[in-house]
Amino acid sequence: MNRYSVALPGSGTVAGMASASERPSTSVEDYVKVVYDLQERGSGQVTISRVAERLAVSNSSVSGMLRKLAEQGLVDHQRYGDVRLTPGGEKLALAVLRRHRLLESYLVEALGYSWDEVHDEAEILEHVVSDRFVDRIAAHLGDPVVDPHGDPIPSREGRVQQRATVLLSQSDPGCVGVIVRVNDSDPELLRYLADHGIGIGMRVELVERKPFGGPIVVRVGPPDECVEQSLGAVAAEAVWVDPADLGVAR
């Protein structure tokens, strides 16, 4: 085990108060973060090919890295089976996600970045900032529980606020709710959504599905000011809705 994994069981926090120099390598952190993200979004089994697609590497590279992660006690993976994080791997993933999502929040709130600019910046900074610095960011921002894309921010103790959501792509015509989360990995998609007035906190109503795999038609905004939009499959797969949270819709 490396120094980080030894400290995890008794740390009581997602970060374990490790300095940047005491953490696992950037690649280890990236791998556990991707596996957690794929698990958490509930989009099917986490396979080698899906991890490879997210990280833009070959399947063989993923296989080799997963063997190393298994040796470190961070993942469970049987040949031809799905990939799962161990409790230690999940703690490490939550620590990385806390840094990443708080950095995104700070870049938007304090430095005026737009929501399509922050992901790549946070990908770099998450590996070098100290836990103390991240805790200062959290305090400065009032300990937010979600980032600019609606992704939950793990607490220092590793707690994640849960809420009932459904993908817009899986909603039925007539469903009305509030957009609470948007996948953040594609800046072009985020710009597309922003250009069409689609963002966190917006009221959305699914009007119809066009036949033969066509786009879905939605109305976005308050009932008396809503705008009708057509969204393709990729955009609809990136938007998460809370059907019950209509009290804050705008």
C-alpha atoms as a PDB file:
ATOM      1  CA  MET A   1       0.000   0.000   0.000  1.00  0.00           C
ATOM      2  CA  ASN A   2       1.082   3.569  -0.564  1.00  0.00           C
ATOM      3  CA  ARG A   3       1.113   6.201   2.147  1.00  0.00           C
ATOM      4  CA  TYR A   4      -2.296   7.500   1.164  1.00  0.00           C
ATOM      5  CA  SER A   5      -4.121   4.185   1.370  1.00  0.00           C
ATOM      6  CA  VAL A   6      -2.524   3.401   4.740  1.00  0.00           C
ATOM      7  CA  ALA A   7      -3.892   6.647   6.182  1.00  0.00           C
ATOM      8  CA  LEU A   8      -7.432   6.236   4.874  1.00  0.00           C
ATOM      9  CA  PRO A   9      -9.070   3.810   7.323  1.00  0.00           C
ATOM     10  CA  GLY A  10      -8.427   5.929  10.412  1.00  0.00           C
ATOM     11  CA  SER A  11      -8.533   9.356   8.846  1.00  0.00           C
ATOM     12  CA  GLY A  12     -12.235  10.030   9.241  1.00  0.00           C
ATOM     13  CA  THR A  13     -12.147  12.403   6.277  1.00  0.00           C
ATOM     14  CA  VAL A  14     -12.176  12.040   2.519  1.00  0.00           C
ATOM     15  CA  ALA A  15      -8.904  13.900   2.266  1.00  0.00           C
ATOM     16  CA  GLY A  16      -7.018  12.427   5.194  1.00  0.00           C
ATOM     17  CA  MET A  17      -5.302  15.856   5.421  1.00  0.00           C
ATOM     18  CA  ALA A  18      -2.644  14.633   3.003  1.00  0.00           C
ATOM     19  CA  SER A  19      -0.476  17.211   1.334  1.00  0.00           C
ATOM     20  CA  ALA A  20      -0.225  17.143  -2.444  1.00  0.00           C
ATOM     21  CA  SER A  21       3.208  15.511  -2.248  1.00  0.00           C
ATOM     22  CA  GLU A  22       1.848  12.623  -0.138  1.00  0.00           C
ATOM     23  CA  ARG A  23      -0.953  11.708  -2.504  1.00  0.00           C
ATOM     24  CA  PRO A  24      -1.016   8.941  -5.096  1.00  0.00           C
ATOM     25  CA  SER A  25      -0.019   9.797  -8.642  1.00  0.00           C
ATOM     26  CA  THR A  26      -2.193  11.926 -10.878  1.00  0.00           C
ATOM     27  CA  SER A  27      -3.090   8.883 -12.970  1.00  0.00           C
ATOM     28  CA  VAL A  28      -4.242   6.919  -9.904  1.00  0.00           C
ATOM     29  CA  GLU A  29      -6.451   9.815  -8.816  1.00  0.00           C
ATOM     30  CA  ASP A  30      -7.852  10.201 -12.330  1.00  0.00           C
ATOM     31  CA  TYR A  31      -8.723   6.517 -12.582  1.00  0.00           C
ATOM     32  CA  VAL A  32     -10.561   6.224  -9.270  1.00  0.00           C
ATOM     33  CA  LYS A  33     -12.397   9.482  -9.983  1.00  0.00           C
ATOM     34  CA  VAL A  34     -13.619   8.222 -13.366  1.00  0.00           C
ATOM     35  CA  VAL A  35     -14.695   4.858 -11.957  1.00  0.00           C
ATOM     36  CA  TYR A  36     -16.618   6.600  -9.174  1.00  0.00           C
ATOM     37  CA  ASP A  37     -18.241   9.017 -11.606  1.00  0.00           C
ATOM     38  CA  LEU A  38     -19.385   6.191 -13.878  1.00  0.00           C
ATOM     39  CA  GLN A  39     -20.733   4.261 -10.882  1.00  0.00           C
ATOM     40  CA  GLU A  40     -22.416   7.276  -9.334  1.00  0.00           C
ATOM     41  CA  ARG A  41     -24.247   8.371 -12.448  1.00  0.00           C
ATOM     42  CA  GLY A  42     -25.796   4.918 -12.665  1.00  0.00           C
ATOM     43  CA  SER A  43     -25.209   4.491 -16.382  1.00  0.00           C
ATOM     44  CA  GLY A  44     -24.642   0.738 -16.414  1.00  0.00           C
ATOM     45  CA  GLN A  45     -21.662  -1.443 -15.572  1.00  0.00           C
ATOM     46  CA  VAL A  46     -18.244   0.163 -15.338  1.00  0.00           C
ATOM     47  CA  THR A  47     -16.164  -1.688 -17.917  1.00  0.00           C
ATOM     48  CA  ILE A  48     -12.623  -1.362 -19.202  1.00  0.00           C
ATOM     49  CA  SER A  49     -13.880   0.078 -22.482  1.00  0.00           C
ATOM     50  CA  ARG A  50     -15.963   2.748 -20.751  1.00  0.00           C
ATOM     51  CA  VAL A  51     -13.059   3.826 -18.562  1.00  0.00           C
ATOM     52  CA  ALA A  52     -10.808   3.880 -21.648  1.00  0.00           C
ATOM     53  CA  GLU A  53     -13.297   6.063 -23.508  1.00  0.00           C
ATOM     54  CA  ARG A  54     -13.521   8.580 -20.665  1.00  0.00           C
ATOM     55  CA  LEU A  55      -9.747   8.810 -20.263  1.00  0.00           C
ATOM     56  CA  ALA A  56      -8.982   8.654 -24.008  1.00  0.00           C
ATOM     57  CA  VAL A  57      -6.540   5.768 -23.597  1.00  0.00           C
ATOM     58  CA  SER A  58      -6.378   2.211 -24.916  1.00  0.00           C
ATOM     59  CA  ASN A  59      -8.135  -0.753 -23.322  1.00  0.00           C
ATOM     60  CA  SER A  60      -4.755  -2.368 -22.673  1.00  0.00           C
ATOM     61  CA  SER A  61      -3.587   0.718 -20.770  1.00  0.00           C
ATOM     62  CA  VAL A  62      -6.699   0.573 -18.598  1.00  0.00           C
ATOM     63  CA  SER A  63      -6.219  -3.150 -17.937  1.00  0.00           C
ATOM     64  CA  GLY A  64      -2.651  -2.583 -16.792  1.00  0.00           C
ATOM     65  CA  MET A  65      -3.608   0.315 -14.534  1.00  0.00           C
ATOM     66  CA  LEU A  66      -6.500  -1.593 -12.989  1.00  0.00           C
ATOM     67  CA  ARG A  67      -4.112  -4.370 -11.999  1.00  0.00           C
ATOM     68  CA  LYS A  68      -1.978  -1.808 -10.184  1.00  0.00           C
ATOM     69  CA  LEU A  69      -5.021  -0.275  -8.497  1.00  0.00           C
ATOM     70  CA  ALA A  70      -6.174  -3.714  -7.391  1.00  0.00           C
ATOM     71  CA  GLU A  71      -2.741  -4.368  -5.870  1.00  0.00           C
ATOM     72  CA  GLN A  72      -3.094  -1.101  -3.935  1.00  0.00           C
ATOM     73  CA  GLY A  73      -6.526  -2.160  -2.670  1.00  0.00           C
ATOM     74  CA  LEU A  74      -8.386   0.591  -4.523  1.00  0.00           C
ATOM     75  CA  VAL A  75     -10.494  -1.432  -6.996  1.00  0.00           C
ATOM     76  CA  ASP A  76     -12.067  -4.849  -7.363  1.00  0.00           C
ATOM     77  CA  HIS A  77     -11.850  -6.168 -10.903  1.00  0.00           C
ATOM     78  CA  GLN A  78     -12.077  -9.713 -12.207  1.00  0.00           C
ATOM     79  CA  ARG A  79     -11.105 -10.520 -15.771  1.00  0.00           C
ATOM     80  CA  TYR A  80     -14.023  -9.741 -18.128  1.00  0.00           C
ATOM     81  CA  GLY A  81     -15.996  -8.392 -15.162  1.00  0.00           C
ATOM     82  CA  ASP A  82     -17.046  -4.883 -14.235  1.00  0.00           C
ATOM     83  CA  VAL A  83     -14.877  -2.500 -12.230  1.00  0.00           C
ATOM     84  CA  ARG A  84     -15.805  -1.478  -8.698  1.00  0.00           C
ATOM     85  CA  LEU A  85     -14.097   0.721  -6.155  1.00  0.00           C
ATOM     86  CA  THR A  86     -13.206  -0.681  -2.763  1.00  0.00           C
ATOM     87  CA  PRO A  87     -14.079   1.423   0.310  1.00  0.00           C
ATOM     88  CA  GLY A  88     -10.535   2.810   0.203  1.00  0.00           C
ATOM     89  CA  GLY A  89     -10.851   3.576  -3.491  1.00  0.00           C
ATOM     90  CA  GLU A  90     -14.144   5.353  -2.910  1.00  0.00           C
ATOM     91  CA  LYS A  91     -12.630   7.530  -0.168  1.00  0.00           C
ATOM     92  CA  LEU A  92      -9.834   8.523  -2.484  1.00  0.00           C
ATOM     93  CA  ALA A  93     -12.273   9.281  -5.322  1.00  0.00           C
ATOM     94  CA  LEU A  94     -14.413  11.436  -3.035  1.00  0.00           C
ATOM     95  CA  ALA A  95     -11.345  13.389  -1.938  1.00  0.00           C
ATOM     96  CA  VAL A  96     -10.436  14.139  -5.559  1.00  0.00           C
ATOM     97  CA  LEU A  97     -14.014  15.048  -6.449  1.00  0.00           C
ATOM     98  CA  ARG A  98     -14.253  17.391  -3.463  1.00  0.00           C
ATOM     99  CA  ARG A  99     -11.173  19.261  -4.642  1.00  0.00           C
ATOM    100  CA  HIS A 100     -12.342  19.288  -8.271  1.00  0.00           C
ATOM    101  CA  ARG A 101     -15.873  20.515  -7.612  1.00  0.00           C
ATOM    102  CA  LEU A 102     -14.888  23.142  -5.065  1.00  0.00           C
ATOM    103  CA  LEU A 103     -12.278  24.453  -7.482  1.00  0.00           C
ATOM    104  CA  GLU A 104     -14.916  24.691 -10.208  1.00  0.00           C
ATOM    105  CA  SER A 105     -17.186  26.582  -7.820  1.00  0.00           C
ATOM    106  CA  TYR A 106     -14.417  29.002  -6.856  1.00  0.00           C
ATOM    107  CA  LEU A 107     -13.437  29.648 -10.463  1.00  0.00           C
ATOM    108  CA  VAL A 108     -17.033  30.577 -11.287  1.00  0.00           C
ATOM    109  CA  GLU A 109     -17.931  32.505  -8.131  1.00  0.00           C
ATOM    110  CA  ALA A 110     -14.691  34.337  -7.433  1.00  0.00           C
ATOM    111  CA  LEU A 111     -12.893  34.556 -10.778  1.00  0.00           C
ATOM    112  CA  GLY A 112     -15.762  34.936 -13.215  1.00  0.00           C
ATOM    113  CA  TYR A 113     -15.216  31.783 -15.263  1.00  0.00           C
ATOM    114  CA  SER A 114     -18.184  30.446 -17.217  1.00  0.00           C
ATOM    115  CA  TRP A 115     -19.424  26.912 -16.535  1.00  0.00           C
ATOM    116  CA  ASP A 116     -17.909  25.588 -19.775  1.00  0.00           C
ATOM    117  CA  GLU A 117     -14.398  26.832 -18.862  1.00  0.00           C
ATOM    118  CA  VAL A 118     -13.861  25.378 -15.408  1.00  0.00           C
ATOM    119  CA  HIS A 119     -13.659  21.603 -15.920  1.00  0.00           C
ATOM    120  CA  ASP A 120     -10.268  21.519 -17.640  1.00  0.00           C
ATOM    121  CA  GLU A 121      -8.794  24.058 -15.216  1.00  0.00           C
ATOM    122  CA  ALA A 122      -9.990  22.038 -12.218  1.00  0.00           C
ATOM    123  CA  GLU A 123      -8.611  18.833 -13.770  1.00  0.00           C
ATOM    124  CA  ILE A 124      -5.129  20.332 -13.467  1.00  0.00           C
ATOM    125  CA  LEU A 125      -5.470  22.108 -10.134  1.00  0.00           C
ATOM    126  CA  GLU A 126      -7.145  19.230  -8.257  1.00  0.00           C
ATOM    127  CA  HIS A 127      -3.846  17.337  -8.115  1.00  0.00           C
ATOM    128  CA  VAL A 128      -1.685  20.147  -6.736  1.00  0.00           C
ATOM    129  CA  VAL A 129      -3.749  22.156  -4.249  1.00  0.00           C
ATOM    130  CA  SER A 130      -3.559  21.270  -0.559  1.00  0.00           C
ATOM    131  CA  ASP A 131      -6.515  20.091   1.493  1.00  0.00           C
ATOM    132  CA  ARG A 132      -6.123  23.166   3.664  1.00  0.00           C
ATOM    133  CA  PHE A 133      -6.496  25.383   0.606  1.00  0.00           C
ATOM    134  CA  VAL A 134      -9.610  23.473  -0.485  1.00  0.00           C
ATOM    135  CA  ASP A 135     -11.128  23.792   2.999  1.00  0.00           C
ATOM    136  CA  ARG A 136     -10.518  27.557   2.829  1.00  0.00           C
ATOM    137  CA  ILE A 137     -12.321  27.659  -0.518  1.00  0.00           C
ATOM    138  CA  ALA A 138     -15.261  25.768   0.974  1.00  0.00           C
ATOM    139  CA  ALA A 139     -15.480  28.169   3.909  1.00  0.00           C
ATOM    140  CA  HIS A 140     -15.162  31.220   1.640  1.00  0.00           C
ATOM    141  CA  LEU A 141     -18.033  29.959  -0.532  1.00  0.00           C
ATOM    142  CA  GLY A 142     -20.241  29.025   2.433  1.00  0.00           C
ATOM    143  CA  ASP A 143     -19.698  25.263   2.166  1.00  0.00           C
ATOM    144  CA  PRO A 144     -21.666  24.674  -1.049  1.00  0.00           C
ATOM    145  CA  VAL A 145     -23.179  21.227  -1.573  1.00  0.00           C
ATOM    146  CA  VAL A 146     -23.225  21.363  -5.389  1.00  0.00           C
ATOM    147  CA  ASP A 147     -20.872  22.786  -8.006  1.00  0.00           C
ATOM    148  CA  PRO A 148     -21.820  25.027 -10.985  1.00  0.00           C
ATOM    149  CA  HIS A 149     -22.996  21.978 -12.947  1.00  0.00           C
ATOM    150  CA  GLY A 150     -25.134  20.648 -10.096  1.00  0.00           C
ATOM    151  CA  ASP A 151     -22.711  17.844  -9.233  1.00  0.00           C
ATOM    152  CA  PRO A 152     -22.748  17.094  -5.485  1.00  0.00           C
ATOM    153  CA  ILE A 153     -19.679  18.227  -3.551  1.00  0.00           C
ATOM    154  CA  PRO A 154     -18.541  15.644  -0.985  1.00  0.00           C
ATOM    155  CA  SER A 155     -18.169  17.013   2.520  1.00  0.00           C
ATOM    156  CA  ARG A 156     -14.842  16.864   4.300  1.00  0.00           C
ATOM    157  CA  GLU A 157     -16.115  13.700   6.011  1.00  0.00           C
ATOM    158  CA  GLY A 158     -17.065  12.057   2.713  1.00  0.00           C
ATOM    159  CA  ARG A 159     -20.816  12.620   2.851  1.00  0.00           C
ATOM    160  CA  VAL A 160     -22.612  13.302  -0.419  1.00  0.00           C
ATOM    161  CA  GLN A 161     -26.027  14.949  -0.528  1.00  0.00           C
ATOM    162  CA  GLN A 162     -28.430  12.731  -2.422  1.00  0.00           C
ATOM    163  CA  ARG A 163     -31.497  13.850  -4.325  1.00  0.00           C
ATOM    164  CA  ALA A 164     -34.001  12.090  -6.530  1.00  0.00           C
ATOM    165  CA  THR A 165     -33.244  12.866 -10.174  1.00  0.00           C
ATOM    166  CA  VAL A 166     -33.988  11.441 -13.580  1.00  0.00           C
ATOM    167  CA  LEU A 167     -32.258  11.949 -16.897  1.00  0.00           C
ATOM    168  CA  LEU A 168     -34.235  14.147 -19.240  1.00  0.00           C
ATOM    169  CA  SER A 169     -33.694  11.506 -21.912  1.00  0.00           C
ATOM    170  CA  GLN A 170     -35.522   8.955 -19.735  1.00  0.00           C
ATOM    171  CA  SER A 171     -38.444  11.204 -18.790  1.00  0.00           C
ATOM    172  CA  ASP A 172     -41.934  10.774 -20.199  1.00  0.00           C
ATOM    173  CA  PRO A 173     -43.880  13.401 -22.153  1.00  0.00           C
ATOM    174  CA  GLY A 174     -45.698  15.609 -19.682  1.00  0.00           C
ATOM    175  CA  CYS A 175     -42.922  15.387 -17.084  1.00  0.00           C
ATOM    176  CA  VAL A 176     -42.254  18.764 -15.446  1.00  0.00           C
ATOM    177  CA  GLY A 177     -39.316  19.469 -13.186  1.00  0.00           C
ATOM    178  CA  VAL A 178     -36.238  21.540 -12.489  1.00  0.00           C
ATOM    179  CA  ILE A 179     -32.828  21.054 -14.087  1.00  0.00           C
ATOM    180  CA  VAL A 180     -30.512  20.207 -11.201  1.00  0.00           C
ATOM    181  CA  ARG A 181     -27.464  18.691 -12.879  1.00  0.00           C
ATOM    182  CA  VAL A 182     -25.648  18.781 -16.221  1.00  0.00           C
ATOM    183  CA  ASN A 183     -22.722  16.585 -17.286  1.00  0.00           C
ATOM    184  CA  ASP A 184     -19.652  18.791 -17.356  1.00  0.00           C
ATOM    185  CA  SER A 185     -17.113  16.881 -19.457  1.00  0.00           C
ATOM    186  CA  ASP A 186     -17.949  18.490 -22.831  1.00  0.00           C
ATOM    187  CA  PRO A 187     -17.440  22.287 -22.963  1.00  0.00           C
ATOM    188  CA  GLU A 188     -19.090  22.530 -26.377  1.00  0.00           C
ATOM    189  CA  LEU A 189     -22.242  20.891 -25.047  1.00  0.00           C
ATOM    190  CA  LEU A 190     -22.308  23.260 -22.073  1.00  0.00           C
ATOM    191  CA  ARG A 191     -21.993  26.237 -24.419  1.00  0.00           C
ATOM    192  CA  TYR A 192     -24.781  24.809 -26.579  1.00  0.00           C
ATOM    193  CA  LEU A 193     -27.091  24.470 -23.574  1.00  0.00           C
ATOM    194  CA  ALA A 194     -26.256  27.972 -22.344  1.00  0.00           C
ATOM    195  CA  ASP A 195     -26.904  29.422 -25.807  1.00  0.00           C
ATOM    196  CA  HIS A 196     -30.348  27.805 -25.712  1.00  0.00           C
ATOM    197  CA  GLY A 197     -31.162  29.183 -22.264  1.00  0.00           C
ATOM    198  CA  ILE A 198     -30.830  25.839 -20.519  1.00  0.00           C
ATOM    199  CA  GLY A 199     -29.140  25.858 -17.109  1.00  0.00           C
ATOM    200  CA  ILE A 200     -29.280  24.809 -13.473  1.00  0.00           C
ATOM    201  CA  GLY A 201     -32.508  25.823 -11.721  1.00  0.00           C
ATOM    202  CA  MET A 202     -34.531  26.198 -14.907  1.00  0.00           C
ATOM    203  CA  ARG A 203     -38.040  24.764 -15.114  1.00  0.00           C
ATOM    204  CA  VAL A 204     -38.334  22.221 -17.927  1.00  0.00           C
ATOM    205  CA  GLU A 205     -41.298  20.335 -19.374  1.00  0.00           C
ATOM    206  CA  LEU A 206     -40.935  17.451 -21.790  1.00  0.00           C
ATOM    207  CA  VAL A 207     -43.528  18.018 -24.517  1.00  0.00           C
ATOM    208  CA  GLU A 208     -42.958  15.147 -26.951  1.00  0.00           C
ATOM    209  CA  ARG A 209     -40.522  12.710 -28.464  1.00  0.00           C
ATOM    210  CA  LYS A 210     -40.096  12.820 -32.191  1.00  0.00           C
ATOM    211  CA  PRO A 211     -40.443   9.378 -33.815  1.00  0.00           C
ATOM    212  CA  PHE A 212     -37.651   7.129 -35.134  1.00  0.00           C
ATOM    213  CA  GLY A 213     -35.073   8.279 -32.608  1.00  0.00           C
ATOM    214  CA  GLY A 214     -35.593  11.951 -33.324  1.00  0.00           C
ATOM    215  CA  PRO A 215     -35.086  14.793 -30.838  1.00  0.00           C
ATOM    216  CA  ILE A 216     -37.214  15.521 -27.809  1.00  0.00           C
ATOM    217  CA  VAL A 217     -39.185  18.758 -27.582  1.00  0.00           C
ATOM    218  CA  VAL A 218     -39.075  20.645 -24.277  1.00  0.00           C
ATOM    219  CA  ARG A 219     -40.376  23.905 -22.888  1.00  0.00           C
ATOM    220  CA  VAL A 220     -37.862  25.777 -20.722  1.00  0.00           C
ATOM    221  CA  GLY A 221     -38.709  28.585 -18.289  1.00  0.00           C
ATOM    222  CA  PRO A 222     -41.775  29.676 -16.281  1.00  0.00           C
ATOM    223  CA  PRO A 223     -45.146  28.635 -17.749  1.00  0.00           C
ATOM    224  CA  ASP A 224     -45.955  32.174 -18.897  1.00  0.00           C
ATOM    225  CA  GLU A 225     -42.505  32.783 -20.416  1.00  0.00           C
ATOM    226  CA  CYS A 226     -41.383  29.342 -21.542  1.00  0.00           C
ATOM    227  CA  VAL A 227     -39.475  28.783 -24.771  1.00  0.00           C
ATOM    228  CA  GLU A 228     -39.840  25.611 -26.809  1.00  0.00           C
ATOM    229  CA  GLN A 229     -36.613  23.848 -27.732  1.00  0.00           C
ATOM    230  CA  SER A 230     -35.610  20.651 -29.533  1.00  0.00           C
ATOM    231  CA  LEU A 231     -32.816  18.635 -27.950  1.00  0.00           C
ATOM    232  CA  GLY A 232     -30.949  15.760 -29.537  1.00  0.00           C
ATOM    233  CA  ALA A 233     -30.064  12.541 -27.753  1.00  0.00           C
ATOM    234  CA  VAL A 234     -26.611  13.675 -26.585  1.00  0.00           C
ATOM    235  CA  ALA A 235     -27.978  16.839 -24.962  1.00  0.00           C
ATOM    236  CA  ALA A 236     -30.936  15.028 -23.378  1.00  0.00           C
ATOM    237  CA  GLU A 237     -28.536  12.427 -21.933  1.00  0.00           C
ATOM    238  CA  ALA A 238     -26.555  15.189 -20.229  1.00  0.00           C
ATOM    239  CA  VAL A 239     -29.412  16.876 -18.337  1.00  0.00           C
ATOM    240  CA  TRP A 240     -30.744  15.655 -14.973  1.00  0.00           C
ATOM    241  CA  VAL A 241     -34.129  16.776 -13.687  1.00  0.00           C
ATOM    242  CA  ASP A 242     -35.731  16.788 -10.244  1.00  0.00           C
ATOM    243  CA  PRO A 243     -39.470  16.320 -10.940  1.00  0.00           C
ATOM    244  CA  ALA A 244     -40.399  17.261  -7.353  1.00  0.00           C
ATOM    245  CA  ASP A 245     -38.394  20.497  -7.039  1.00  0.00           C
ATOM    246  CA  LEU A 246     -40.762  22.989  -8.598  1.00  0.00           C
ATOM    247  CA  GLY A 247     -40.737  25.520  -5.756  1.00  0.00           C
ATOM    248  CA  VAL A 248     -37.535  27.186  -6.999  1.00  0.00           C
ATOM    249  CA  ALA A 249     -38.218  26.966 -10.736  1.00  0.00           C
ATOM    250  CA  ARG A 250     -37.647  30.079 -12.775  1.00  0.00           C
END
